[in-house]
């Protein structure tokens, strides 16, 4: 049975999750890849990070509709984990795993299968807004409303990882 969660996520909610748990996530997620993470460091977040979920994704958008929203490799964002968790981010969605250390006591990693961008787009109900369009489609921060997006807890708040 899957755990149903809605953003923003509380620390109490994520502390209860265990590696391997199935989750159906609803609410708002924010896409962010390398360039957006670099900008978070210098300019802060263009959204409230408290309880937020970052999706390592460069969506393909046509006529303000998400056509594909598959995850990108998350390990590239390892250097930013301590910073984003210190600002209140509670979860990251991606593929391939990450360094489990920074997740301890602070957040979880949700895994979504790579190569399934078209499937992922089915869970995106609408684009709420886009930030930093100057970074280009793939690297802009897209505020997406998702409904019951199926995910697996790949790293929990105890640092247990399905990837190691």
N, C-alpha and C. Protein backbone atom coordinates (compact mmCIF):
# COMPACT_ATOMS: atom_id res chain seq x y z
N UNK A 1 0.84 -1.18 0.00
CA UNK A 1 0.00 0.00 0.00
C UNK A 1 0.89 1.25 0.00
N UNK A 2 0.54 2.21 -0.80
CA UNK A 2 1.33 3.42 -0.92
C UNK A 2 0.91 4.47 0.11
N UNK A 3 1.89 5.24 0.54
CA UNK A 3 1.66 6.36 1.44
C UNK A 3 1.29 7.56 0.57
N UNK A 4 0.16 8.20 0.88
CA UNK A 4 -0.24 9.40 0.13
C UNK A 4 0.30 10.63 0.86
N UNK A 5 1.01 11.45 0.11
CA UNK A 5 1.59 12.67 0.65
C UNK A 5 1.18 13.86 -0.20
N UNK A 6 1.07 15.02 0.45
CA UNK A 6 0.76 16.25 -0.26
C UNK A 6 1.74 17.33 0.18
N UNK A 7 2.24 18.07 -0.80
CA UNK A 7 3.17 19.16 -0.50
C UNK A 7 2.42 20.36 0.03
N UNK A 8 3.08 21.19 0.84
CA UNK A 8 4.44 21.04 1.34
C UNK A 8 4.53 19.92 2.38
N UNK A 9 5.70 19.29 2.45
CA UNK A 9 5.92 18.18 3.36
C UNK A 9 6.48 18.67 4.69
N UNK A 10 6.01 18.06 5.76
CA UNK A 10 6.56 18.40 7.08
C UNK A 10 7.73 17.47 7.39
N UNK A 11 8.58 17.90 8.29
CA UNK A 11 9.68 17.05 8.71
C UNK A 11 9.14 15.77 9.35
N UNK A 12 8.08 15.88 10.14
CA UNK A 12 7.48 14.69 10.77
C UNK A 12 7.06 13.67 9.72
N UNK A 13 6.49 14.12 8.61
CA UNK A 13 6.06 13.20 7.55
C UNK A 13 7.24 12.45 6.95
N UNK A 14 8.30 13.16 6.65
CA UNK A 14 9.43 12.51 5.99
C UNK A 14 10.20 11.62 6.95
N UNK A 15 10.21 11.96 8.24
CA UNK A 15 10.91 11.13 9.22
C UNK A 15 10.27 9.74 9.34
N UNK A 16 9.00 9.60 9.02
CA UNK A 16 8.29 8.32 9.11
C UNK A 16 8.55 7.40 7.92
N UNK A 17 9.05 7.95 6.83
CA UNK A 17 9.26 7.15 5.62
C UNK A 17 10.51 6.29 5.72
N UNK A 18 10.45 5.11 5.09
CA UNK A 18 11.58 4.19 5.08
C UNK A 18 11.96 3.87 3.64
N UNK A 19 13.25 3.66 3.42
CA UNK A 19 13.72 3.26 2.10
C UNK A 19 12.91 2.06 1.63
N UNK A 20 12.40 2.15 0.41
CA UNK A 20 11.58 1.09 -0.15
C UNK A 20 10.09 1.37 -0.09
N UNK A 21 9.67 2.35 0.73
CA UNK A 21 8.24 2.70 0.80
C UNK A 21 7.77 3.23 -0.55
N UNK A 22 6.52 2.89 -0.89
CA UNK A 22 5.89 3.45 -2.08
C UNK A 22 5.11 4.68 -1.67
N UNK A 23 5.17 5.72 -2.50
CA UNK A 23 4.53 7.00 -2.20
C UNK A 23 3.73 7.46 -3.41
N UNK A 24 2.59 8.08 -3.16
CA UNK A 24 1.83 8.80 -4.19
C UNK A 24 1.87 10.27 -3.78
N UNK A 25 2.61 11.07 -4.53
CA UNK A 25 2.82 12.47 -4.19
C UNK A 25 1.89 13.38 -4.98
N UNK A 26 1.22 14.27 -4.26
CA UNK A 26 0.37 15.29 -4.89
C UNK A 26 0.78 16.66 -4.38
N UNK A 27 0.49 17.67 -5.19
CA UNK A 27 0.80 19.04 -4.81
C UNK A 27 1.78 19.66 -5.78
N UNK A 28 2.61 20.56 -5.27
CA UNK A 28 3.54 21.32 -6.09
C UNK A 28 4.95 20.75 -5.97
N UNK A 29 5.61 20.57 -7.11
CA UNK A 29 7.03 20.24 -7.13
C UNK A 29 7.72 21.27 -8.03
N UNK A 30 9.00 21.49 -7.77
CA UNK A 30 9.78 22.47 -8.52
C UNK A 30 10.91 21.76 -9.24
N UNK A 31 10.97 21.90 -10.56
CA UNK A 31 12.06 21.29 -11.29
C UNK A 31 13.33 22.11 -11.07
N UNK A 32 14.45 21.42 -11.02
CA UNK A 32 15.73 22.12 -10.88
C UNK A 32 16.86 21.19 -11.30
N UNK A 33 17.69 21.69 -12.19
CA UNK A 33 18.88 20.97 -12.61
C UNK A 33 20.11 21.78 -12.19
N UNK A 34 21.24 21.49 -12.76
CA UNK A 34 22.52 22.08 -12.34
C UNK A 34 22.50 23.61 -12.26
N UNK A 35 22.09 24.27 -13.34
CA UNK A 35 22.14 25.73 -13.37
C UNK A 35 21.23 26.36 -12.32
N UNK A 36 20.08 25.79 -12.11
CA UNK A 36 19.17 26.32 -11.08
C UNK A 36 19.78 26.15 -9.69
N UNK A 37 20.39 25.01 -9.43
CA UNK A 37 21.01 24.80 -8.12
C UNK A 37 22.13 25.82 -7.88
N UNK A 38 22.92 26.08 -8.90
CA UNK A 38 23.98 27.08 -8.77
C UNK A 38 23.38 28.45 -8.45
N UNK A 39 22.27 28.77 -9.08
CA UNK A 39 21.63 30.06 -8.83
C UNK A 39 20.98 30.10 -7.44
N UNK A 40 20.48 28.98 -6.95
CA UNK A 40 19.95 28.95 -5.57
C UNK A 40 21.01 29.45 -4.59
N UNK A 41 22.26 29.05 -4.82
CA UNK A 41 23.35 29.44 -3.91
C UNK A 41 23.58 30.94 -3.89
N UNK A 42 23.44 31.59 -5.03
CA UNK A 42 23.76 33.02 -5.12
C UNK A 42 22.55 33.93 -4.99
N UNK A 43 21.37 33.45 -5.40
CA UNK A 43 20.18 34.31 -5.39
C UNK A 43 19.07 33.81 -4.49
N UNK A 44 19.24 32.66 -3.89
CA UNK A 44 18.18 32.09 -3.07
C UNK A 44 17.15 31.41 -3.95
N UNK A 45 16.05 31.04 -3.35
CA UNK A 45 14.99 30.34 -4.07
C UNK A 45 13.93 31.31 -4.57
N UNK A 46 13.40 31.10 -5.77
CA UNK A 46 12.32 31.96 -6.26
C UNK A 46 10.95 31.51 -5.72
N UNK A 47 10.96 30.54 -4.82
CA UNK A 47 9.76 30.00 -4.19
C UNK A 47 10.09 29.76 -2.72
N UNK A 48 9.07 29.51 -1.92
CA UNK A 48 9.28 29.21 -0.51
C UNK A 48 9.82 27.79 -0.38
N UNK A 49 11.04 27.60 0.10
CA UNK A 49 11.61 26.26 0.16
C UNK A 49 11.09 25.40 1.32
N UNK A 50 10.44 26.00 2.29
CA UNK A 50 10.00 25.25 3.47
C UNK A 50 9.00 24.16 3.08
N UNK A 51 9.43 22.91 3.24
CA UNK A 51 8.58 21.77 2.93
C UNK A 51 8.49 21.43 1.46
N UNK A 52 9.25 22.13 0.63
CA UNK A 52 9.16 21.95 -0.82
C UNK A 52 9.84 20.67 -1.29
N UNK A 53 9.48 20.29 -2.51
CA UNK A 53 10.06 19.12 -3.17
C UNK A 53 10.70 19.60 -4.47
N UNK A 54 11.97 19.24 -4.66
CA UNK A 54 12.69 19.57 -5.89
C UNK A 54 12.73 18.31 -6.75
N UNK A 55 12.40 18.49 -8.04
CA UNK A 55 12.42 17.39 -9.00
C UNK A 55 13.57 17.63 -9.96
N UNK A 56 14.54 16.74 -9.97
CA UNK A 56 15.67 16.84 -10.91
C UNK A 56 15.17 16.46 -12.29
N UNK A 57 14.70 17.46 -13.00
CA UNK A 57 14.01 17.25 -14.27
C UNK A 57 14.17 18.48 -15.14
N UNK A 58 14.36 18.24 -16.42
CA UNK A 58 14.34 19.30 -17.42
C UNK A 58 13.18 19.00 -18.35
N UNK A 59 12.00 19.48 -18.03
CA UNK A 59 10.81 19.08 -18.79
C UNK A 59 10.81 19.60 -20.22
N UNK A 60 10.11 18.86 -21.06
CA UNK A 60 9.84 19.31 -22.42
C UNK A 60 8.44 19.91 -22.38
N UNK A 61 8.35 21.20 -22.70
CA UNK A 61 7.09 21.93 -22.60
C UNK A 61 6.70 22.47 -23.96
N UNK A 62 5.45 22.25 -24.35
CA UNK A 62 4.93 22.80 -25.60
C UNK A 62 3.58 23.42 -25.30
N UNK A 63 3.42 24.70 -25.69
CA UNK A 63 2.18 25.43 -25.45
C UNK A 63 1.76 25.37 -23.98
N UNK A 64 2.75 25.53 -23.10
CA UNK A 64 2.55 25.53 -21.65
C UNK A 64 1.92 24.23 -21.13
N UNK A 65 2.23 23.14 -21.82
CA UNK A 65 1.82 21.80 -21.37
C UNK A 65 3.07 20.94 -21.33
N UNK A 66 3.23 20.18 -20.25
CA UNK A 66 4.38 19.30 -20.12
C UNK A 66 4.16 18.06 -20.97
N UNK A 67 5.05 17.86 -21.94
CA UNK A 67 4.98 16.73 -22.85
C UNK A 67 5.81 15.56 -22.31
N UNK A 68 6.93 15.87 -21.68
CA UNK A 68 7.79 14.86 -21.08
C UNK A 68 8.42 15.44 -19.83
N UNK A 69 8.49 14.63 -18.78
CA UNK A 69 9.02 15.13 -17.51
C UNK A 69 9.82 14.06 -16.79
N UNK A 70 10.71 13.40 -17.52
CA UNK A 70 11.52 12.36 -16.90
C UNK A 70 12.63 12.95 -16.06
N UNK A 71 13.08 12.18 -15.07
CA UNK A 71 14.15 12.66 -14.19
C UNK A 71 15.50 12.66 -14.87
N UNK A 72 16.37 13.54 -14.42
CA UNK A 72 17.76 13.55 -14.85
C UNK A 72 18.60 12.93 -13.74
N UNK A 73 19.83 12.62 -14.03
CA UNK A 73 20.71 11.98 -13.05
C UNK A 73 20.95 12.91 -11.87
N UNK A 74 20.61 12.44 -10.69
CA UNK A 74 20.63 13.26 -9.49
C UNK A 74 22.01 13.45 -8.88
N UNK A 75 22.92 12.51 -9.07
CA UNK A 75 24.23 12.58 -8.42
C UNK A 75 24.95 13.89 -8.70
N UNK A 76 24.67 14.52 -9.85
CA UNK A 76 25.31 15.80 -10.18
C UNK A 76 24.96 16.88 -9.17
N UNK A 77 23.84 16.73 -8.49
CA UNK A 77 23.40 17.75 -7.53
C UNK A 77 23.84 17.46 -6.10
N UNK A 78 24.66 16.42 -5.89
CA UNK A 78 25.15 16.11 -4.54
C UNK A 78 25.77 17.32 -3.82
N UNK A 79 26.57 18.14 -4.51
CA UNK A 79 27.21 19.26 -3.80
C UNK A 79 26.23 20.28 -3.20
N UNK A 80 24.98 20.26 -3.63
CA UNK A 80 24.01 21.26 -3.18
C UNK A 80 23.09 20.75 -2.07
N UNK A 81 23.19 19.47 -1.72
CA UNK A 81 22.23 18.89 -0.77
C UNK A 81 22.23 19.58 0.59
N UNK A 82 23.39 19.81 1.18
CA UNK A 82 23.42 20.45 2.50
C UNK A 82 22.76 21.82 2.46
N UNK A 83 23.03 22.57 1.40
CA UNK A 83 22.43 23.90 1.27
C UNK A 83 20.91 23.82 1.17
N UNK A 84 20.40 23.00 0.27
CA UNK A 84 18.93 22.98 0.07
C UNK A 84 18.20 22.46 1.31
N UNK A 85 18.77 21.45 1.98
CA UNK A 85 18.12 20.95 3.19
C UNK A 85 18.18 21.98 4.32
N UNK A 86 19.24 22.77 4.37
CA UNK A 86 19.34 23.81 5.41
C UNK A 86 18.29 24.90 5.23
N UNK A 87 17.73 25.01 4.02
CA UNK A 87 16.71 26.02 3.75
C UNK A 87 15.28 25.47 3.85
N UNK A 88 15.13 24.18 4.19
CA UNK A 88 13.80 23.63 4.42
C UNK A 88 13.27 22.69 3.37
N UNK A 89 14.01 22.47 2.29
CA UNK A 89 13.58 21.48 1.30
C UNK A 89 13.44 20.15 2.03
N UNK A 90 12.38 19.39 1.74
CA UNK A 90 12.13 18.13 2.44
C UNK A 90 12.30 16.90 1.57
N UNK A 91 12.31 17.06 0.25
CA UNK A 91 12.46 15.89 -0.61
C UNK A 91 13.02 16.29 -1.96
N UNK A 92 13.69 15.31 -2.56
CA UNK A 92 14.25 15.44 -3.90
C UNK A 92 13.74 14.25 -4.70
N UNK A 93 13.32 14.49 -5.94
CA UNK A 93 12.92 13.41 -6.85
C UNK A 93 13.97 13.33 -7.95
N UNK A 94 14.38 12.12 -8.29
CA UNK A 94 15.34 11.98 -9.37
C UNK A 94 15.56 10.54 -9.75
N UNK A 95 16.71 10.31 -10.40
CA UNK A 95 17.07 8.94 -10.78
C UNK A 95 18.52 8.69 -10.42
N UNK A 96 18.80 7.44 -10.09
CA UNK A 96 20.17 7.01 -9.91
C UNK A 96 20.77 7.16 -8.53
N UNK A 97 20.04 7.73 -7.59
CA UNK A 97 20.54 7.85 -6.23
C UNK A 97 21.44 9.05 -6.02
N UNK A 98 21.74 9.28 -4.74
CA UNK A 98 22.58 10.41 -4.33
C UNK A 98 23.38 9.98 -3.10
N UNK A 99 24.22 10.88 -2.61
CA UNK A 99 24.95 10.65 -1.38
C UNK A 99 23.94 10.64 -0.23
N UNK A 100 23.82 9.53 0.51
CA UNK A 100 22.78 9.47 1.55
C UNK A 100 23.06 10.31 2.79
N UNK A 101 24.31 10.68 3.05
CA UNK A 101 24.66 11.40 4.27
C UNK A 101 23.83 12.65 4.53
N UNK A 102 23.74 13.58 3.58
CA UNK A 102 23.01 14.83 3.82
C UNK A 102 21.51 14.65 4.09
N UNK A 103 20.95 13.49 3.76
CA UNK A 103 19.52 13.25 3.98
C UNK A 103 19.20 12.96 5.45
N UNK A 104 20.21 12.56 6.22
CA UNK A 104 19.98 12.12 7.60
C UNK A 104 19.31 13.21 8.43
N UNK A 105 18.11 12.85 8.93
CA UNK A 105 17.36 13.75 9.79
C UNK A 105 16.72 14.93 9.11
N UNK A 106 16.84 15.03 7.76
CA UNK A 106 16.38 16.24 7.09
C UNK A 106 15.46 16.05 5.90
N UNK A 107 15.65 14.98 5.13
CA UNK A 107 14.85 14.84 3.92
C UNK A 107 14.93 13.45 3.34
N UNK A 108 14.19 13.24 2.26
CA UNK A 108 14.16 11.95 1.58
C UNK A 108 14.42 12.14 0.09
N UNK A 109 14.85 11.04 -0.52
CA UNK A 109 15.06 10.99 -1.96
C UNK A 109 14.00 10.07 -2.53
N UNK A 110 13.20 10.59 -3.44
CA UNK A 110 12.19 9.80 -4.13
C UNK A 110 12.73 9.42 -5.50
N UNK A 111 12.65 8.15 -5.84
CA UNK A 111 13.12 7.69 -7.13
C UNK A 111 11.95 7.54 -8.10
N UNK A 112 12.21 7.96 -9.35
CA UNK A 112 11.30 7.75 -10.46
C UNK A 112 12.14 7.17 -11.58
N UNK A 113 11.62 6.17 -12.32
CA UNK A 113 12.45 5.51 -13.33
C UNK A 113 12.87 6.41 -14.49
N UNK A 114 14.13 6.31 -14.86
CA UNK A 114 14.62 7.02 -16.03
C UNK A 114 14.01 6.43 -17.29
N UNK A 115 13.92 7.22 -18.33
CA UNK A 115 13.37 6.76 -19.59
C UNK A 115 11.86 6.74 -19.63
N UNK A 116 11.23 7.27 -18.59
CA UNK A 116 9.77 7.24 -18.51
C UNK A 116 9.20 8.66 -18.46
N UNK A 117 9.81 9.56 -19.23
CA UNK A 117 9.38 10.96 -19.22
C UNK A 117 7.95 11.17 -19.66
N UNK A 118 7.50 10.41 -20.64
CA UNK A 118 6.12 10.53 -21.11
C UNK A 118 5.15 10.08 -20.02
N UNK A 119 5.51 8.99 -19.34
CA UNK A 119 4.68 8.52 -18.22
C UNK A 119 4.64 9.56 -17.11
N UNK A 120 5.78 10.13 -16.76
CA UNK A 120 5.83 11.13 -15.70
C UNK A 120 4.93 12.31 -16.02
N UNK A 121 4.88 12.71 -17.28
CA UNK A 121 4.07 13.88 -17.66
C UNK A 121 2.58 13.65 -17.41
N UNK A 122 2.16 12.39 -17.37
CA UNK A 122 0.74 12.10 -17.10
C UNK A 122 0.31 12.50 -15.69
N UNK A 123 1.28 12.61 -14.77
CA UNK A 123 0.96 12.99 -13.40
C UNK A 123 1.03 14.49 -13.18
N UNK A 124 1.52 15.23 -14.18
CA UNK A 124 1.57 16.69 -14.11
C UNK A 124 0.22 17.22 -14.58
N UNK A 125 -0.50 17.84 -13.66
CA UNK A 125 -1.84 18.34 -13.99
C UNK A 125 -1.80 19.73 -14.61
N UNK A 126 -0.81 20.53 -14.20
CA UNK A 126 -0.68 21.85 -14.81
C UNK A 126 0.62 22.51 -14.41
N UNK A 127 1.03 23.46 -15.22
CA UNK A 127 2.16 24.32 -14.91
C UNK A 127 1.59 25.53 -14.19
N UNK A 128 2.08 25.80 -13.00
CA UNK A 128 1.60 26.96 -12.25
C UNK A 128 2.38 28.23 -12.62
N UNK A 129 3.67 28.08 -12.81
CA UNK A 129 4.50 29.21 -13.26
C UNK A 129 5.90 28.71 -13.58
N UNK A 130 6.68 29.59 -14.17
CA UNK A 130 8.06 29.26 -14.50
C UNK A 130 8.95 30.40 -14.00
N UNK A 131 10.07 30.03 -13.41
CA UNK A 131 11.04 31.00 -12.91
C UNK A 131 12.34 30.84 -13.71
N UNK A 132 13.04 31.93 -13.86
CA UNK A 132 14.36 31.93 -14.48
C UNK A 132 14.35 31.34 -15.88
N UNK A 133 13.42 31.84 -16.70
CA UNK A 133 13.32 31.39 -18.09
C UNK A 133 14.59 31.66 -18.88
N UNK A 134 15.41 32.62 -18.42
CA UNK A 134 16.67 32.91 -19.12
C UNK A 134 17.62 31.72 -19.12
N UNK A 135 17.39 30.73 -18.27
CA UNK A 135 18.23 29.53 -18.23
C UNK A 135 17.88 28.54 -19.34
N UNK A 136 16.77 28.77 -20.03
CA UNK A 136 16.32 27.85 -21.08
C UNK A 136 15.30 26.87 -20.54
N UNK A 137 14.61 26.20 -21.45
CA UNK A 137 13.51 25.30 -21.06
C UNK A 137 13.96 24.24 -20.05
N UNK A 138 15.04 23.55 -20.33
CA UNK A 138 15.45 22.44 -19.48
C UNK A 138 15.94 22.88 -18.11
N UNK A 139 16.55 24.06 -18.04
CA UNK A 139 17.16 24.49 -16.78
C UNK A 139 16.36 25.51 -16.00
N UNK A 140 15.30 26.05 -16.56
CA UNK A 140 14.42 26.94 -15.81
C UNK A 140 13.79 26.15 -14.66
N UNK A 141 13.28 26.86 -13.69
CA UNK A 141 12.57 26.22 -12.57
C UNK A 141 11.08 26.27 -12.88
N UNK A 142 10.50 25.10 -13.08
CA UNK A 142 9.08 24.98 -13.40
C UNK A 142 8.32 24.58 -12.14
N UNK A 143 7.29 25.33 -11.83
CA UNK A 143 6.41 25.01 -10.71
C UNK A 143 5.28 24.16 -11.26
N UNK A 144 5.32 22.87 -10.95
CA UNK A 144 4.37 21.92 -11.50
C UNK A 144 3.42 21.41 -10.43
N UNK A 145 2.16 21.28 -10.79
CA UNK A 145 1.19 20.65 -9.90
C UNK A 145 1.05 19.20 -10.34
N UNK A 146 1.36 18.29 -9.41
CA UNK A 146 1.28 16.86 -9.72
C UNK A 146 0.17 16.21 -8.90
N UNK A 147 -0.34 15.10 -9.43
CA UNK A 147 -1.39 14.37 -8.73
C UNK A 147 -1.03 12.89 -8.67
N UNK A 148 -0.87 12.41 -7.44
CA UNK A 148 -0.58 11.00 -7.17
C UNK A 148 0.55 10.45 -8.05
N UNK A 149 1.65 11.18 -8.07
CA UNK A 149 2.84 10.73 -8.80
C UNK A 149 3.45 9.56 -8.03
N UNK A 150 3.58 8.39 -8.67
CA UNK A 150 4.09 7.21 -7.96
C UNK A 150 5.62 7.25 -7.84
N UNK A 151 6.09 7.13 -6.62
CA UNK A 151 7.51 7.23 -6.33
C UNK A 151 7.92 6.14 -5.33
N UNK A 152 9.20 5.87 -5.26
CA UNK A 152 9.76 4.96 -4.27
C UNK A 152 10.73 5.76 -3.40
N UNK A 153 10.68 5.58 -2.09
CA UNK A 153 11.67 6.22 -1.23
C UNK A 153 12.99 5.49 -1.45
N UNK A 154 13.93 6.17 -2.11
CA UNK A 154 15.23 5.59 -2.42
C UNK A 154 16.25 5.82 -1.33
N UNK A 155 16.12 6.94 -0.61
CA UNK A 155 16.97 7.26 0.54
C UNK A 155 16.06 7.85 1.60
N UNK A 156 16.15 7.33 2.81
CA UNK A 156 15.31 7.86 3.89
C UNK A 156 16.11 8.76 4.82
N UNK A 157 15.46 9.28 5.85
CA UNK A 157 16.10 10.24 6.75
C UNK A 157 17.09 9.59 7.72
N UNK A 158 17.20 8.28 7.68
CA UNK A 158 18.22 7.59 8.47
C UNK A 158 19.46 7.30 7.60
N UNK A 159 19.39 7.70 6.33
CA UNK A 159 20.52 7.49 5.43
C UNK A 159 20.52 6.12 4.77
N UNK A 160 19.44 5.36 4.97
CA UNK A 160 19.34 4.05 4.30
C UNK A 160 19.05 4.29 2.83
N UNK A 161 19.78 3.58 1.98
CA UNK A 161 19.68 3.82 0.54
C UNK A 161 19.45 2.51 -0.22
N UNK A 162 18.57 2.56 -1.20
CA UNK A 162 18.37 1.42 -2.08
C UNK A 162 19.47 1.34 -3.13
N UNK A 163 20.31 2.35 -3.22
CA UNK A 163 21.31 2.44 -4.27
C UNK A 163 22.70 2.00 -3.84
N UNK A 164 22.89 1.73 -2.56
CA UNK A 164 24.22 1.36 -2.05
C UNK A 164 24.18 -0.07 -1.52
